């Protein structure tokens, strides 16, 4: 084990239990960026008037325009479809 990895392990062992979940989430975003997207908390806040207007505008736009393919959105975000499809599978 490298010295840096050993120091990281030692520091983790010193952390209070309450701080471990935040560290795990942070490390997961570094190791697997898709983890953040798929494990984000559900938005349970009420929709604002501004958000409702934006949704209505989006629906109106889609009546007159073609939607954007999922593959294009994924690529724009810097991922591949293989990463999206393979997320959660054992390596």
C-alpha atoms as a PDB file:
ATOM      1  CA  UNK A   1       0.000   0.000   0.000  1.00  0.00           C
ATOM      2  CA  UNK A   2       1.358   3.447  -0.914  1.00  0.00           C
ATOM      3  CA  UNK A   3       2.191   5.963   1.802  1.00  0.00           C
ATOM      4  CA  UNK A   4      -0.519   8.311   0.568  1.00  0.00           C
ATOM      5  CA  UNK A   5      -3.140   5.554   0.647  1.00  0.00           C
ATOM      6  CA  UNK A   6      -2.010   4.518   4.135  1.00  0.00           C
ATOM      7  CA  UNK A   7      -2.301   8.120   5.404  1.00  0.00           C
ATOM      8  CA  UNK A   8      -5.782   8.367   3.862  1.00  0.00           C
ATOM      9  CA  UNK A   9      -6.831   5.183   5.666  1.00  0.00           C
ATOM     10  CA  UNK A  10      -5.442   6.467   8.955  1.00  0.00           C
ATOM     11  CA  UNK A  11      -7.286   9.773   8.592  1.00  0.00           C
ATOM     12  CA  UNK A  12     -10.543   8.005   7.764  1.00  0.00           C
ATOM     13  CA  UNK A  13     -10.172   5.883  10.905  1.00  0.00           C
ATOM     14  CA  UNK A  14      -9.951   9.100  12.975  1.00  0.00           C
ATOM     15  CA  UNK A  15     -13.155  10.607  11.567  1.00  0.00           C
ATOM     16  CA  UNK A  16     -16.267  10.689  13.732  1.00  0.00           C
ATOM     17  CA  UNK A  17     -19.007   8.393  12.459  1.00  0.00           C
ATOM     18  CA  UNK A  18     -21.244  11.397  11.691  1.00  0.00           C
ATOM     19  CA  UNK A  19     -18.801  12.686   9.068  1.00  0.00           C
ATOM     20  CA  UNK A  20     -18.282   9.397   7.238  1.00  0.00           C
ATOM     21  CA  UNK A  21     -21.421   9.559   5.086  1.00  0.00           C
ATOM     22  CA  UNK A  22     -20.373  12.924   3.652  1.00  0.00           C
ATOM     23  CA  UNK A  23     -16.906  11.602   2.923  1.00  0.00           C
ATOM     24  CA  UNK A  24     -18.329   8.493   1.254  1.00  0.00           C
ATOM     25  CA  UNK A  25     -20.539  10.627  -0.966  1.00  0.00           C
ATOM     26  CA  UNK A  26     -17.601  12.860  -1.884  1.00  0.00           C
ATOM     27  CA  UNK A  27     -15.339   9.923  -2.706  1.00  0.00           C
ATOM     28  CA  UNK A  28     -18.092   8.245  -4.716  1.00  0.00           C
ATOM     29  CA  UNK A  29     -18.398  11.310  -6.947  1.00  0.00           C
ATOM     30  CA  UNK A  30     -14.682  11.144  -7.678  1.00  0.00           C
ATOM     31  CA  UNK A  31     -14.597   7.396  -8.329  1.00  0.00           C
ATOM     32  CA  UNK A  32     -17.976   7.163 -10.102  1.00  0.00           C
ATOM     33  CA  UNK A  33     -19.545  10.465 -11.248  1.00  0.00           C
ATOM     34  CA  UNK A  34     -22.736   8.655 -12.287  1.00  0.00           C
ATOM     35  CA  UNK A  35     -23.222   7.699  -8.608  1.00  0.00           C
ATOM     36  CA  UNK A  36     -24.056  11.315  -7.838  1.00  0.00           C
ATOM     37  CA  UNK A  37     -26.764  11.439 -10.484  1.00  0.00           C
ATOM     38  CA  UNK A  38     -28.402   8.153  -9.567  1.00  0.00           C
ATOM     39  CA  UNK A  39     -28.225   8.598  -5.800  1.00  0.00           C
ATOM     40  CA  UNK A  40     -29.266  12.222  -5.543  1.00  0.00           C
ATOM     41  CA  UNK A  41     -32.068  12.831  -3.052  1.00  0.00           C
ATOM     42  CA  UNK A  42     -35.565  13.225  -4.445  1.00  0.00           C
ATOM     43  CA  UNK A  43     -36.612  16.854  -4.753  1.00  0.00           C
ATOM     44  CA  UNK A  44     -39.558  17.084  -2.388  1.00  0.00           C
ATOM     45  CA  UNK A  45     -39.897  20.868  -2.407  1.00  0.00           C
ATOM     46  CA  UNK A  46     -43.099  22.313  -3.853  1.00  0.00           C
ATOM     47  CA  UNK A  47     -42.865  23.566  -7.419  1.00  0.00           C
ATOM     48  CA  UNK A  48     -42.549  27.344  -7.596  1.00  0.00           C
ATOM     49  CA  UNK A  49     -44.537  29.481 -10.036  1.00  0.00           C
ATOM     50  CA  UNK A  50     -41.329  30.147 -11.966  1.00  0.00           C
ATOM     51  CA  UNK A  51     -40.646  26.407 -12.254  1.00  0.00           C
ATOM     52  CA  UNK A  52     -44.229  25.748 -13.356  1.00  0.00           C
ATOM     53  CA  UNK A  53     -43.865  28.391 -16.091  1.00  0.00           C
ATOM     54  CA  UNK A  54     -40.577  26.810 -17.223  1.00  0.00           C
ATOM     55  CA  UNK A  55     -42.195  23.360 -17.430  1.00  0.00           C
ATOM     56  CA  UNK A  56     -45.123  24.794 -19.415  1.00  0.00           C
ATOM     57  CA  UNK A  57     -42.707  26.546 -21.781  1.00  0.00           C
ATOM     58  CA  UNK A  58     -40.770  23.292 -22.245  1.00  0.00           C
ATOM     59  CA  UNK A  59     -43.932  21.361 -23.061  1.00  0.00           C
ATOM     60  CA  UNK A  60     -44.956  24.024 -25.561  1.00  0.00           C
ATOM     61  CA  UNK A  61     -41.494  23.944 -27.147  1.00  0.00           C
ATOM     62  CA  UNK A  62     -41.713  20.158 -27.540  1.00  0.00           C
ATOM     63  CA  UNK A  63     -44.994  20.513 -29.434  1.00  0.00           C
ATOM     64  CA  UNK A  64     -43.102  22.331 -32.199  1.00  0.00           C
ATOM     65  CA  UNK A  65     -39.577  20.884 -31.969  1.00  0.00           C
ATOM     66  CA  UNK A  66     -37.910  17.482 -31.880  1.00  0.00           C
ATOM     67  CA  UNK A  67     -36.601  16.347 -28.497  1.00  0.00           C
ATOM     68  CA  UNK A  68     -32.908  15.794 -27.823  1.00  0.00           C
ATOM     69  CA  UNK A  69     -31.806  12.135 -27.919  1.00  0.00           C
ATOM     70  CA  UNK A  70     -30.632  10.670 -24.607  1.00  0.00           C
ATOM     71  CA  UNK A  71     -27.288   9.723 -26.186  1.00  0.00           C
ATOM     72  CA  UNK A  72     -26.635  13.370 -27.050  1.00  0.00           C
ATOM     73  CA  UNK A  73     -27.485  14.576 -23.554  1.00  0.00           C
ATOM     74  CA  UNK A  74     -25.269  11.908 -21.998  1.00  0.00           C
ATOM     75  CA  UNK A  75     -22.370  12.844 -24.310  1.00  0.00           C
ATOM     76  CA  UNK A  76     -22.829  16.559 -23.540  1.00  0.00           C
ATOM     77  CA  UNK A  77     -22.480  15.705 -19.843  1.00  0.00           C
ATOM     78  CA  UNK A  78     -19.219  13.866 -20.538  1.00  0.00           C
ATOM     79  CA  UNK A  79     -20.472  10.316 -20.094  1.00  0.00           C
ATOM     80  CA  UNK A  80     -20.964   7.353 -22.390  1.00  0.00           C
ATOM     81  CA  UNK A  81     -24.108   5.288 -22.727  1.00  0.00           C
ATOM     82  CA  UNK A  82     -22.066   2.281 -21.564  1.00  0.00           C
ATOM     83  CA  UNK A  83     -21.362   4.103 -18.291  1.00  0.00           C
ATOM     84  CA  UNK A  84     -25.065   4.878 -17.876  1.00  0.00           C
ATOM     85  CA  UNK A  85     -26.202   1.366 -18.757  1.00  0.00           C
ATOM     86  CA  UNK A  86     -23.487  -0.297 -16.693  1.00  0.00           C
ATOM     87  CA  UNK A  87     -23.968   1.733 -13.529  1.00  0.00           C
ATOM     88  CA  UNK A  88     -24.769  -0.434 -10.557  1.00  0.00           C
ATOM     89  CA  UNK A  89     -23.428  -3.634 -12.131  1.00  0.00           C
ATOM     90  CA  UNK A  90     -20.581  -5.468 -10.491  1.00  0.00           C
ATOM     91  CA  UNK A  91     -17.217  -4.881 -12.085  1.00  0.00           C
END
